[in-house]
Amino acid sequence: MRYREYDEELLRRIKDSEKDILRKFILICEKYNLDYFVVFGTLLGTIRHEGFIPWDDDIDVGMLRTDYEKFLEVAQKECGEEYFIQTINTDPDYHLYFAKMRMNNTVFVEDSLQKTTGNDGFYIDIFPYDVIPDDDIVMKKYIKKSVRLGMLLSISKVREPQIGTYGKGKTMVLTLIWYVLHYTMKIFGKSKNNLWKTTKASYVKYQNCDFKRLATFSTNAEKWIIEKSEIQQLLNRKFEDIIVKVPRGYDSILKRCYGDYMQLPPEEQRSNHMPVKIKFRRENEVIVLKEV
C-alpha cells in the first residue's frame, strides 16, 4: 500500500461507511455467540486513538477458524441485500484467502485493484486465525508454504501484479514473476478450485493439535503470530462510537509488531488503501480521485 492524504470530509464519510459494516458484523457475531477481535492497524488505532488511525481507511477483524467458518455459514442470510459476504466461494472473481464483508451499492476501488472484477463496495476484512506448530523451524516452513499458496491463489485469479511497494529493481523482477506464473497457470489449466482446496487444507493442517500459537497467512504472517493465551479473554474497548473486542494480550501483540506503538510513525512510513473511485450508499455520483 501507498499513502493518500485525503480531504478531511471524504475520509470521515469513508470511515462512517466502514463503521456501519462493522456494526452489522458485530450484531451477527453477538446473535450467534461468535468471538472476534480487532487486529492489525485497527487494533493499534483502538488502543492508541480509541478509533481509526487518523490517516487509515479500513477495518480489520480476526476470528478463530471455527468461529470464522460459522460466521460464513450464517452471515449472508443475516445481511440480506444490504451487505455481501465476499469469499472465494461466493465471488468467482475474488482472489484472497480471507473474507470481506461488503456494502452493496457502493464503490471503493483501490489503485492496485482497478483492473480486477467482482464486488468492489466498501468493506471490512475478516481474517481467520489457525493453529501453527510450536517448533520454530517447523512453524517457519509451514507459514512460508501457506503464504506462498495464498499468493498463488491471488496470482491465478488476478492478472495485474499485487506486489506492494519496493525498489525499482525488485518491483520489476516481482512483476515479471507474477505475469509468468499467471499465464503459466492459465495456459496449463490449473484449477482455481483445486488450488483453493490445497491452500485451505494447508491452513487447517494443525487445527486439532494442542499447540500454543495462532496465525493468519498474510504476507506478514510471522510478525502477527499471537499466543492462544493472549486471546483467551477478550476486552471491551472504544473504537470511535462503537465498543469492540480486543485481545487481553494486546500490549504484547502491539509491542512485537510495532515496538513503541504509542509513538506516531513519520509520514513516509504511513500507508492506506489509495482508492481511485468512490461511491457512497444512496448516491449516484462516482467520485474519481487522481492517482498518486
C-alpha atoms as a PDB file:
ATOM      1  CA  MET A   1       0.000   0.000   0.000  1.00  0.00           C
ATOM      2  CA  ARG A   2       0.957   3.610  -0.554  1.00  0.00           C
ATOM      3  CA  TYR A   3      -0.347   6.734   1.121  1.00  0.00           C
ATOM      4  CA  ARG A   4      -3.108   9.132   0.090  1.00  0.00           C
ATOM      5  CA  GLU A   5      -3.702  12.343   2.000  1.00  0.00           C
ATOM      6  CA  TYR A   6      -7.479  12.610   1.975  1.00  0.00           C
ATOM      7  CA  ASP A   7      -9.814  15.536   2.060  1.00  0.00           C
ATOM      8  CA  GLU A   8     -10.953  15.502   5.694  1.00  0.00           C
ATOM      9  CA  GLU A   9     -14.672  15.278   4.923  1.00  0.00           C
ATOM     10  CA  LEU A  10     -14.195  12.496   2.371  1.00  0.00           C
ATOM     11  CA  LEU A  11     -12.162  10.419   4.827  1.00  0.00           C
ATOM     12  CA  ARG A  12     -14.832  10.918   7.500  1.00  0.00           C
ATOM     13  CA  ARG A  13     -17.514   9.603   5.155  1.00  0.00           C
ATOM     14  CA  ILE A  14     -15.386   6.582   4.214  1.00  0.00           C
ATOM     15  CA  LYS A  15     -14.907   5.771   7.891  1.00  0.00           C
ATOM     16  CA  ASP A  16     -18.618   6.193   8.601  1.00  0.00           C
ATOM     17  CA  SER A  17     -19.466   3.686   5.861  1.00  0.00           C
ATOM     18  CA  GLU A  18     -16.991   1.168   7.231  1.00  0.00           C
ATOM     19  CA  LYS A  19     -18.319   1.648  10.758  1.00  0.00           C
ATOM     20  CA  ASP A  20     -21.808   0.792   9.503  1.00  0.00           C
ATOM     21  CA  ILE A  21     -20.447  -2.510   8.185  1.00  0.00           C
ATOM     22  CA  LEU A  22     -18.626  -3.162  11.470  1.00  0.00           C
ATOM     23  CA  ARG A  23     -21.816  -2.568  13.458  1.00  0.00           C
ATOM     24  CA  LYS A  24     -23.671  -5.150  11.378  1.00  0.00           C
ATOM     25  CA  PHE A  25     -20.777  -7.597  11.706  1.00  0.00           C
ATOM     26  CA  ILE A  26     -20.836  -7.247  15.493  1.00  0.00           C
ATOM     27  CA  LEU A  27     -24.609  -7.759  15.628  1.00  0.00           C
ATOM     28  CA  ILE A  28     -24.258 -11.037  13.725  1.00  0.00           C
ATOM     29  CA  CYS A  29     -21.434 -12.207  15.999  1.00  0.00           C
ATOM     30  CA  GLU A  30     -23.457 -11.381  19.102  1.00  0.00           C
ATOM     31  CA  LYS A  31     -26.563 -13.143  17.774  1.00  0.00           C
ATOM     32  CA  TYR A  32     -24.645 -16.378  17.147  1.00  0.00           C
ATOM     33  CA  ASN A  33     -22.222 -16.121  20.107  1.00  0.00           C
ATOM     34  CA  LEU A  34     -19.172 -15.838  17.852  1.00  0.00           C
ATOM     35  CA  ASP A  35     -15.948 -14.326  19.154  1.00  0.00           C
ATOM     36  CA  TYR A  36     -13.931 -11.816  17.137  1.00  0.00           C
ATOM     37  CA  PHE A  37     -11.127  -9.370  17.918  1.00  0.00           C
ATOM     38  CA  VAL A  38      -9.776  -6.340  16.076  1.00  0.00           C
ATOM     39  CA  VAL A  39      -6.337  -6.833  14.514  1.00  0.00           C
ATOM     40  CA  PHE A  40      -3.534  -5.023  12.657  1.00  0.00           C
ATOM     41  CA  GLY A  41      -4.000  -1.273  12.285  1.00  0.00           C
ATOM     42  CA  THR A  42      -7.497  -1.452  13.751  1.00  0.00           C
ATOM     43  CA  LEU A  43      -6.111  -2.885  16.996  1.00  0.00           C
ATOM     44  CA  LEU A  44      -3.412  -0.224  17.032  1.00  0.00           C
ATOM     45  CA  GLY A  45      -5.961   2.521  16.370  1.00  0.00           C
ATOM     46  CA  THR A  46      -8.292   1.228  19.075  1.00  0.00           C
ATOM     47  CA  ILE A  47      -5.571   1.332  21.715  1.00  0.00           C
ATOM     48  CA  ARG A  48      -3.689   4.462  20.612  1.00  0.00           C
ATOM     49  CA  HIS A  49      -6.543   6.620  19.266  1.00  0.00           C
ATOM     50  CA  GLU A  50      -9.741   4.966  20.531  1.00  0.00           C
ATOM     51  CA  GLY A  51     -10.722   4.705  16.882  1.00  0.00           C
ATOM     52  CA  PHE A  52      -9.175   4.786  13.437  1.00  0.00           C
ATOM     53  CA  ILE A  53      -5.542   5.671  12.981  1.00  0.00           C
ATOM     54  CA  PRO A  54      -6.082   9.242  11.681  1.00  0.00           C
ATOM     55  CA  TRP A  55      -4.989   8.529   8.095  1.00  0.00           C
ATOM     56  CA  ASP A  56      -6.295   4.940   7.914  1.00  0.00           C
ATOM     57  CA  ASP A  57      -9.222   3.907   5.734  1.00  0.00           C
ATOM     58  CA  ASP A  58     -10.005   0.294   6.585  1.00  0.00           C
ATOM     59  CA  ILE A  59     -11.110  -2.026   9.400  1.00  0.00           C
ATOM     60  CA  ASP A  60      -9.602  -5.448  10.151  1.00  0.00           C
ATOM     61  CA  VAL A  61     -11.028  -8.116  12.445  1.00  0.00           C
ATOM     62  CA  GLY A  62      -9.841 -11.629  13.278  1.00  0.00           C
ATOM     63  CA  MET A  63     -11.694 -14.796  14.251  1.00  0.00           C
ATOM     64  CA  LEU A  64     -10.620 -18.269  15.278  1.00  0.00           C
ATOM     65  CA  ARG A  65     -11.205 -20.729  12.445  1.00  0.00           C
ATOM     66  CA  THR A  66     -14.273 -22.384  13.999  1.00  0.00           C
ATOM     67  CA  ASP A  67     -15.989 -19.033  14.622  1.00  0.00           C
ATOM     68  CA  TYR A  68     -14.946 -17.800  11.184  1.00  0.00           C
ATOM     69  CA  GLU A  69     -16.477 -20.791   9.394  1.00  0.00           C
ATOM     70  CA  LYS A  70     -19.677 -20.489  11.426  1.00  0.00           C
ATOM     71  CA  PHE A  71     -19.858 -16.789  10.549  1.00  0.00           C
ATOM     72  CA  LEU A  72     -19.573 -17.606   6.844  1.00  0.00           C
ATOM     73  CA  GLU A  73     -22.422 -20.116   7.191  1.00  0.00           C
ATOM     74  CA  VAL A  74     -24.911 -17.684   8.724  1.00  0.00           C
ATOM     75  CA  ALA A  75     -23.816 -14.175   7.757  1.00  0.00           C
ATOM     76  CA  GLN A  76     -25.264 -13.765   4.269  1.00  0.00           C
ATOM     77  CA  LYS A  77     -28.734 -14.712   5.472  1.00  0.00           C
ATOM     78  CA  GLU A  78     -28.421 -12.049   8.178  1.00  0.00           C
ATOM     79  CA  CYS A  79     -27.071  -9.444   5.754  1.00  0.00           C
ATOM     80  CA  GLY A  80     -29.966  -9.544   3.317  1.00  0.00           C
ATOM     81  CA  GLU A  81     -29.453  -7.295   0.287  1.00  0.00           C
ATOM     82  CA  GLU A  82     -27.590  -4.572   2.149  1.00  0.00           C
ATOM     83  CA  TYR A  83     -24.268  -6.396   2.556  1.00  0.00           C
ATOM     84  CA  PHE A  84     -22.360  -9.138   0.741  1.00  0.00           C
ATOM     85  CA  ILE A  85     -20.010 -11.720   2.280  1.00  0.00           C
ATOM     86  CA  GLN A  86     -17.229 -11.982  -0.295  1.00  0.00           C
ATOM     87  CA  THR A  87     -15.121 -15.146  -0.347  1.00  0.00           C
ATOM     88  CA  ILE A  88     -13.547 -17.460  -2.896  1.00  0.00           C
ATOM     89  CA  ASN A  89     -16.786 -19.455  -2.804  1.00  0.00           C
ATOM     90  CA  THR A  90     -19.266 -16.573  -3.191  1.00  0.00           C
ATOM     91  CA  ASP A  91     -17.470 -14.444  -5.796  1.00  0.00           C
ATOM     92  CA  PRO A  92     -15.678 -16.267  -8.648  1.00  0.00           C
ATOM     93  CA  ASP A  93     -13.501 -13.208  -9.285  1.00  0.00           C
ATOM     94  CA  TYR A  94     -12.328 -12.850  -5.677  1.00  0.00           C
ATOM     95  CA  HIS A  95      -8.680 -13.691  -5.078  1.00  0.00           C
ATOM     96  CA  LEU A  96      -7.912 -13.527  -1.336  1.00  0.00           C
ATOM     97  CA  TYR A  97      -7.855 -16.250   1.338  1.00  0.00           C
ATOM     98  CA  PHE A  98      -9.851 -14.216   3.874  1.00  0.00           C
ATOM     99  CA  ALA A  99     -13.390 -12.821   3.698  1.00  0.00           C
ATOM    100  CA  LYS A 100     -14.605  -9.292   3.130  1.00  0.00           C
ATOM    101  CA  MET A 101     -17.970  -8.015   4.286  1.00  0.00           C
ATOM    102  CA  ARG A 102     -19.012  -5.569   1.554  1.00  0.00           C
ATOM    103  CA  MET A 103     -21.647  -2.854   1.499  1.00  0.00           C
ATOM    104  CA  ASN A 104     -23.733  -3.315  -1.633  1.00  0.00           C
ATOM    105  CA  ASN A 105     -24.498  -0.411  -3.981  1.00  0.00           C
ATOM    106  CA  THR A 106     -21.267   1.376  -3.088  1.00  0.00           C
ATOM    107  CA  VAL A 107     -17.850   1.632  -4.749  1.00  0.00           C
ATOM    108  CA  PHE A 108     -14.374   1.653  -3.204  1.00  0.00           C
ATOM    109  CA  VAL A 109     -11.869   0.784  -5.932  1.00  0.00           C
ATOM    110  CA  GLU A 110      -8.267   0.731  -4.774  1.00  0.00           C
ATOM    111  CA  ASP A 111      -5.452   1.931  -7.013  1.00  0.00           C
ATOM    112  CA  SER A 112      -3.819  -1.509  -7.201  1.00  0.00           C
ATOM    113  CA  LEU A 113      -7.108  -3.295  -7.990  1.00  0.00           C
ATOM    114  CA  GLN A 114      -8.509  -1.130 -10.796  1.00  0.00           C
ATOM    115  CA  LYS A 115      -8.394  -3.948 -13.335  1.00  0.00           C
ATOM    116  CA  THR A 116      -9.993  -6.617 -11.168  1.00  0.00           C
ATOM    117  CA  THR A 117     -13.670  -7.541 -11.296  1.00  0.00           C
ATOM    118  CA  GLY A 118     -16.220  -8.582  -8.693  1.00  0.00           C
ATOM    119  CA  ASN A 119     -17.993  -6.727  -5.881  1.00  0.00           C
ATOM    120  CA  ASP A 120     -15.980  -3.592  -5.068  1.00  0.00           C
ATOM    121  CA  GLY A 121     -18.062  -1.855  -2.404  1.00  0.00           C
ATOM    122  CA  PHE A 122     -16.882  -0.545   0.952  1.00  0.00           C
ATOM    123  CA  TYR A 123     -15.727  -3.394   3.166  1.00  0.00           C
ATOM    124  CA  ILE A 124     -14.179  -4.697   6.344  1.00  0.00           C
ATOM    125  CA  ASP A 125     -11.613  -7.521   6.252  1.00  0.00           C
ATOM    126  CA  ILE A 126     -12.280 -10.698   8.264  1.00  0.00           C
ATOM    127  CA  PHE A 127      -9.196 -12.846   8.887  1.00  0.00           C
ATOM    128  CA  PRO A 128      -9.302 -16.493  10.026  1.00  0.00           C
ATOM    129  CA  TYR A 129      -6.686 -17.463  12.610  1.00  0.00           C
ATOM    130  CA  ASP A 130      -5.311 -21.006  12.513  1.00  0.00           C
ATOM    131  CA  VAL A 131      -3.188 -23.147  14.811  1.00  0.00           C
ATOM    132  CA  ILE A 132       0.529 -23.244  13.982  1.00  0.00           C
ATOM    133  CA  PRO A 133       3.332 -25.561  15.261  1.00  0.00           C
ATOM    134  CA  ASP A 134       5.195 -24.769  18.469  1.00  0.00           C
ATOM    135  CA  ASP A 135       8.545 -25.773  16.971  1.00  0.00           C
ATOM    136  CA  ASP A 136      10.001 -22.616  15.380  1.00  0.00           C
ATOM    137  CA  ILE A 137      11.745 -24.379  12.496  1.00  0.00           C
ATOM    138  CA  VAL A 138       8.627 -26.334  11.536  1.00  0.00           C
ATOM    139  CA  MET A 139       6.495 -23.230  12.044  1.00  0.00           C
ATOM    140  CA  LYS A 140       8.595 -21.060   9.736  1.00  0.00           C
ATOM    141  CA  LYS A 141       8.483 -23.634   6.929  1.00  0.00           C
ATOM    142  CA  TYR A 142       4.748 -24.116   7.393  1.00  0.00           C
ATOM    143  CA  ILE A 143       3.979 -20.397   7.320  1.00  0.00           C
ATOM    144  CA  LYS A 144       6.187 -19.847   4.268  1.00  0.00           C
ATOM    145  CA  LYS A 145       4.387 -22.640   2.394  1.00  0.00           C
ATOM    146  CA  SER A 146       0.923 -21.403   3.417  1.00  0.00           C
ATOM    147  CA  VAL A 147       1.663 -17.788   2.473  1.00  0.00           C
ATOM    148  CA  ARG A 148       3.007 -18.903  -0.916  1.00  0.00           C
ATOM    149  CA  LEU A 149      -0.131 -20.923  -1.593  1.00  0.00           C
ATOM    150  CA  GLY A 150      -2.219 -17.848  -0.816  1.00  0.00           C
ATOM    151  CA  MET A 151      -0.091 -15.800  -3.196  1.00  0.00           C
ATOM    152  CA  LEU A 152      -0.502 -18.413  -5.948  1.00  0.00           C
ATOM    153  CA  LEU A 153      -4.245 -18.217  -5.433  1.00  0.00           C
ATOM    154  CA  SER A 154      -4.137 -14.452  -5.994  1.00  0.00           C
ATOM    155  CA  ILE A 155      -1.827 -14.794  -8.991  1.00  0.00           C
ATOM    156  CA  SER A 156      -4.119 -17.368 -10.594  1.00  0.00           C
ATOM    157  CA  LYS A 157      -7.108 -15.001 -10.403  1.00  0.00           C
ATOM    158  CA  VAL A 158      -5.586 -11.538 -10.907  1.00  0.00           C
ATOM    159  CA  ARG A 159      -3.595 -10.607 -13.993  1.00  0.00           C
ATOM    160  CA  GLU A 160      -2.253  -7.300 -12.702  1.00  0.00           C
ATOM    161  CA  PRO A 161       0.539  -7.762 -10.107  1.00  0.00           C
ATOM    162  CA  GLN A 162      -0.335  -7.117  -6.428  1.00  0.00           C
ATOM    163  CA  ILE A 163       3.174  -6.804  -5.013  1.00  0.00           C
ATOM    164  CA  GLY A 164       3.256  -3.775  -2.752  1.00  0.00           C
ATOM    165  CA  THR A 165       5.906  -1.044  -2.865  1.00  0.00           C
ATOM    166  CA  TYR A 166       9.564  -1.990  -3.347  1.00  0.00           C
ATOM    167  CA  GLY A 167      12.628  -0.620  -5.063  1.00  0.00           C
ATOM    168  CA  LYS A 168      12.565  -0.336  -8.855  1.00  0.00           C
ATOM    169  CA  GLY A 169      14.688  -3.443  -9.485  1.00  0.00           C
ATOM    170  CA  LYS A 170      12.787  -5.723  -7.108  1.00  0.00           C
ATOM    171  CA  THR A 171       9.447  -4.419  -8.364  1.00  0.00           C
ATOM    172  CA  MET A 172      10.400  -5.281 -11.969  1.00  0.00           C
ATOM    173  CA  VAL A 173      11.502  -8.796 -11.006  1.00  0.00           C
ATOM    174  CA  LEU A 174       8.374  -9.489  -8.942  1.00  0.00           C
ATOM    175  CA  THR A 175       6.147  -8.094 -11.702  1.00  0.00           C
ATOM    176  CA  LEU A 176       7.744 -10.404 -14.253  1.00  0.00           C
ATOM    177  CA  ILE A 177       7.382 -13.410 -11.952  1.00  0.00           C
ATOM    178  CA  TRP A 178       3.706 -12.567 -11.371  1.00  0.00           C
ATOM    179  CA  TYR A 179       2.939 -12.408 -15.115  1.00  0.00           C
ATOM    180  CA  VAL A 180       4.846 -15.627 -15.856  1.00  0.00           C
ATOM    181  CA  LEU A 181       3.050 -17.562 -13.110  1.00  0.00           C
ATOM    182  CA  HIS A 182      -0.371 -16.126 -14.002  1.00  0.00           C
ATOM    183  CA  TYR A 183      -0.180 -17.090 -17.648  1.00  0.00           C
ATOM    184  CA  THR A 184       1.519 -20.433 -16.935  1.00  0.00           C
ATOM    185  CA  MET A 185      -1.379 -21.440 -14.688  1.00  0.00           C
ATOM    186  CA  LYS A 186      -3.858 -20.127 -17.259  1.00  0.00           C
ATOM    187  CA  ILE A 187      -2.244 -21.981 -20.172  1.00  0.00           C
ATOM    188  CA  PHE A 188      -1.942 -25.278 -18.321  1.00  0.00           C
ATOM    189  CA  GLY A 189      -5.432 -25.031 -16.878  1.00  0.00           C
ATOM    190  CA  LYS A 190      -4.522 -25.071 -13.201  1.00  0.00           C
ATOM    191  CA  SER A 191      -7.900 -25.333 -11.484  1.00  0.00           C
ATOM    192  CA  LYS A 192      -8.511 -22.415  -9.141  1.00  0.00           C
ATOM    193  CA  ASN A 193     -10.936 -24.535  -7.137  1.00  0.00           C
ATOM    194  CA  ASN A 194      -8.335 -27.255  -6.633  1.00  0.00           C
ATOM    195  CA  LEU A 195      -5.738 -24.640  -5.721  1.00  0.00           C
ATOM    196  CA  TRP A 196      -8.105 -23.208  -3.112  1.00  0.00           C
ATOM    197  CA  LYS A 197      -8.748 -26.683  -1.662  1.00  0.00           C
ATOM    198  CA  THR A 198      -4.995 -27.257  -1.389  1.00  0.00           C
ATOM    199  CA  THR A 199      -4.491 -23.825   0.185  1.00  0.00           C
ATOM    200  CA  LYS A 200      -7.230 -24.224   2.775  1.00  0.00           C
ATOM    201  CA  ALA A 201      -6.064 -27.748   3.644  1.00  0.00           C
ATOM    202  CA  SER A 202      -2.645 -26.288   4.418  1.00  0.00           C
ATOM    203  CA  TYR A 203      -4.159 -23.584   6.623  1.00  0.00           C
ATOM    204  CA  VAL A 204      -6.136 -26.025   8.800  1.00  0.00           C
ATOM    205  CA  LYS A 205      -3.477 -28.756   8.901  1.00  0.00           C
ATOM    206  CA  TYR A 206      -2.863 -28.347  12.650  1.00  0.00           C
ATOM    207  CA  GLN A 207      -6.397 -27.403  13.636  1.00  0.00           C
ATOM    208  CA  ASN A 208      -6.821 -30.330  16.027  1.00  0.00           C
ATOM    209  CA  CYS A 209      -3.347 -30.059  17.554  1.00  0.00           C
ATOM    210  CA  ASP A 210      -2.801 -28.688  21.045  1.00  0.00           C
ATOM    211  CA  PHE A 211      -0.261 -26.058  20.017  1.00  0.00           C
ATOM    212  CA  LYS A 212       0.041 -22.672  21.698  1.00  0.00           C
ATOM    213  CA  ARG A 213       0.153 -20.195  18.819  1.00  0.00           C
ATOM    214  CA  LEU A 214      -2.077 -18.892  16.031  1.00  0.00           C
ATOM    215  CA  ALA A 215      -1.529 -17.074  12.755  1.00  0.00           C
ATOM    216  CA  THR A 216      -3.365 -15.744   9.747  1.00  0.00           C
ATOM    217  CA  PHE A 217      -1.481 -16.224   6.499  1.00  0.00           C
ATOM    218  CA  SER A 218      -0.969 -12.686   5.240  1.00  0.00           C
ATOM    219  CA  THR A 219       2.383 -11.636   3.796  1.00  0.00           C
ATOM    220  CA  ASN A 220       3.477 -10.551   7.308  1.00  0.00           C
ATOM    221  CA  ALA A 221       2.211 -13.712   8.990  1.00  0.00           C
ATOM    222  CA  GLU A 222       5.191 -14.245  11.286  1.00  0.00           C
ATOM    223  CA  LYS A 223       5.012 -10.668  12.525  1.00  0.00           C
ATOM    224  CA  TRP A 224       1.402 -11.157  13.615  1.00  0.00           C
ATOM    225  CA  ILE A 225       1.628 -14.528  15.369  1.00  0.00           C
ATOM    226  CA  ILE A 226      -0.410 -14.478  18.571  1.00  0.00           C
ATOM    227  CA  GLU A 227      -0.411 -16.732  21.603  1.00  0.00           C
ATOM    228  CA  LYS A 228      -3.639 -18.536  22.419  1.00  0.00           C
ATOM    229  CA  SER A 229      -3.287 -17.189  25.954  1.00  0.00           C
ATOM    230  CA  GLU A 230      -3.397 -13.629  24.588  1.00  0.00           C
ATOM    231  CA  ILE A 231      -6.938 -14.080  23.275  1.00  0.00           C
ATOM    232  CA  GLN A 232      -8.348 -16.392  25.942  1.00  0.00           C
ATOM    233  CA  GLN A 233     -10.053 -13.318  27.326  1.00  0.00           C
ATOM    234  CA  LEU A 234     -11.379 -10.510  25.142  1.00  0.00           C
ATOM    235  CA  LEU A 235     -11.736  -6.978  26.485  1.00  0.00           C
ATOM    236  CA  ASN A 236     -14.161  -4.237  25.520  1.00  0.00           C
ATOM    237  CA  ARG A 237     -12.561  -1.083  24.160  1.00  0.00           C
ATOM    238  CA  LYS A 238     -13.865   2.066  22.484  1.00  0.00           C
ATOM    239  CA  PHE A 239     -13.459   2.367  18.711  1.00  0.00           C
ATOM    240  CA  GLU A 240     -14.923   5.712  17.667  1.00  0.00           C
ATOM    241  CA  ASP A 241     -18.566   5.366  18.817  1.00  0.00           C
ATOM    242  CA  ILE A 242     -18.519   1.543  18.840  1.00  0.00           C
ATOM    243  CA  ILE A 243     -17.416  -0.915  21.543  1.00  0.00           C
ATOM    244  CA  VAL A 244     -15.181  -3.611  20.029  1.00  0.00           C
ATOM    245  CA  LYS A 245     -13.352  -6.674  21.319  1.00  0.00           C
ATOM    246  CA  VAL A 246      -9.564  -6.610  21.739  1.00  0.00           C
ATOM    247  CA  PRO A 247      -7.265  -9.431  22.900  1.00  0.00           C
ATOM    248  CA  ARG A 248      -6.345  -9.358  26.575  1.00  0.00           C
ATOM    249  CA  GLY A 249      -2.709  -9.509  25.466  1.00  0.00           C
ATOM    250  CA  TYR A 250      -2.967  -6.505  23.147  1.00  0.00           C
ATOM    251  CA  ASP A 251       0.079  -4.797  24.709  1.00  0.00           C
ATOM    252  CA  SER A 252       2.389  -7.741  23.977  1.00  0.00           C
ATOM    253  CA  ILE A 253       0.954  -8.157  20.483  1.00  0.00           C
ATOM    254  CA  LEU A 254       1.413  -4.494  19.576  1.00  0.00           C
ATOM    255  CA  LYS A 255       4.926  -4.305  21.042  1.00  0.00           C
ATOM    256  CA  ARG A 256       6.007  -7.302  18.947  1.00  0.00           C
ATOM    257  CA  CYS A 257       4.564  -5.739  15.803  1.00  0.00           C
ATOM    258  CA  TYR A 258       5.265  -2.034  16.240  1.00  0.00           C
ATOM    259  CA  GLY A 259       7.762  -1.617  19.085  1.00  0.00           C
ATOM    260  CA  ASP A 260       6.892   1.661  20.820  1.00  0.00           C
ATOM    261  CA  TYR A 261       3.409   1.604  19.380  1.00  0.00           C
ATOM    262  CA  MET A 262       2.149   4.739  21.117  1.00  0.00           C
ATOM    263  CA  GLN A 263       4.504   6.878  19.005  1.00  0.00           C
ATOM    264  CA  LEU A 264       3.194   8.113  15.654  1.00  0.00           C
ATOM    265  CA  PRO A 265       5.296   6.996  12.660  1.00  0.00           C
ATOM    266  CA  PRO A 266       6.834   9.567  10.308  1.00  0.00           C
ATOM    267  CA  GLU A 267       4.703  10.418   7.281  1.00  0.00           C
ATOM    268  CA  GLU A 268       6.900   8.411   4.883  1.00  0.00           C
ATOM    269  CA  GLN A 269       6.032   5.233   6.833  1.00  0.00           C
ATOM    270  CA  ARG A 270       2.264   5.774   6.727  1.00  0.00           C
ATOM    271  CA  SER A 271       0.020   3.891   4.330  1.00  0.00           C
ATOM    272  CA  ASN A 272      -3.612   3.458   3.365  1.00  0.00           C
ATOM    273  CA  HIS A 273      -5.576   1.864   0.549  1.00  0.00           C
ATOM    274  CA  MET A 274      -5.324   4.556  -2.119  1.00  0.00           C
ATOM    275  CA  PRO A 275      -8.846   4.437  -3.637  1.00  0.00           C
ATOM    276  CA  VAL A 276      -9.329   5.917  -7.099  1.00  0.00           C
ATOM    277  CA  LYS A 277     -13.133   5.559  -7.316  1.00  0.00           C
ATOM    278  CA  ILE A 278     -15.676   6.006  -4.516  1.00  0.00           C
ATOM    279  CA  LYS A 279     -19.470   5.906  -4.445  1.00  0.00           C
ATOM    280  CA  PHE A 280     -21.470   6.176  -1.258  1.00  0.00           C
ATOM    281  CA  ARG A 281     -24.720   4.388  -0.487  1.00  0.00           C
ATOM    282  CA  ARG A 282     -27.878   6.065  -1.774  1.00  0.00           C
ATOM    283  CA  GLU A 283     -25.849   8.371  -4.029  1.00  0.00           C
ATOM    284  CA  ASN A 284     -25.400   8.199  -7.797  1.00  0.00           C
ATOM    285  CA  GLU A 285     -22.186  10.189  -8.136  1.00  0.00           C
ATOM    286  CA  VAL A 286     -18.954   8.222  -8.521  1.00  0.00           C
ATOM    287  CA  ILE A 287     -16.076  10.256  -7.103  1.00  0.00           C
ATOM    288  CA  VAL A 288     -12.914   9.817  -9.167  1.00  0.00           C
ATOM    289  CA  LEU A 289      -9.649  10.585  -7.379  1.00  0.00           C
ATOM    290  CA  LYS A 290      -6.322  11.310  -9.013  1.00  0.00           C
ATOM    291  CA  GLU A 291      -3.757   8.537  -8.885  1.00  0.00           C
ATOM    292  CA  VAL A 292      -0.882   9.423  -6.570  1.00  0.00           C
END
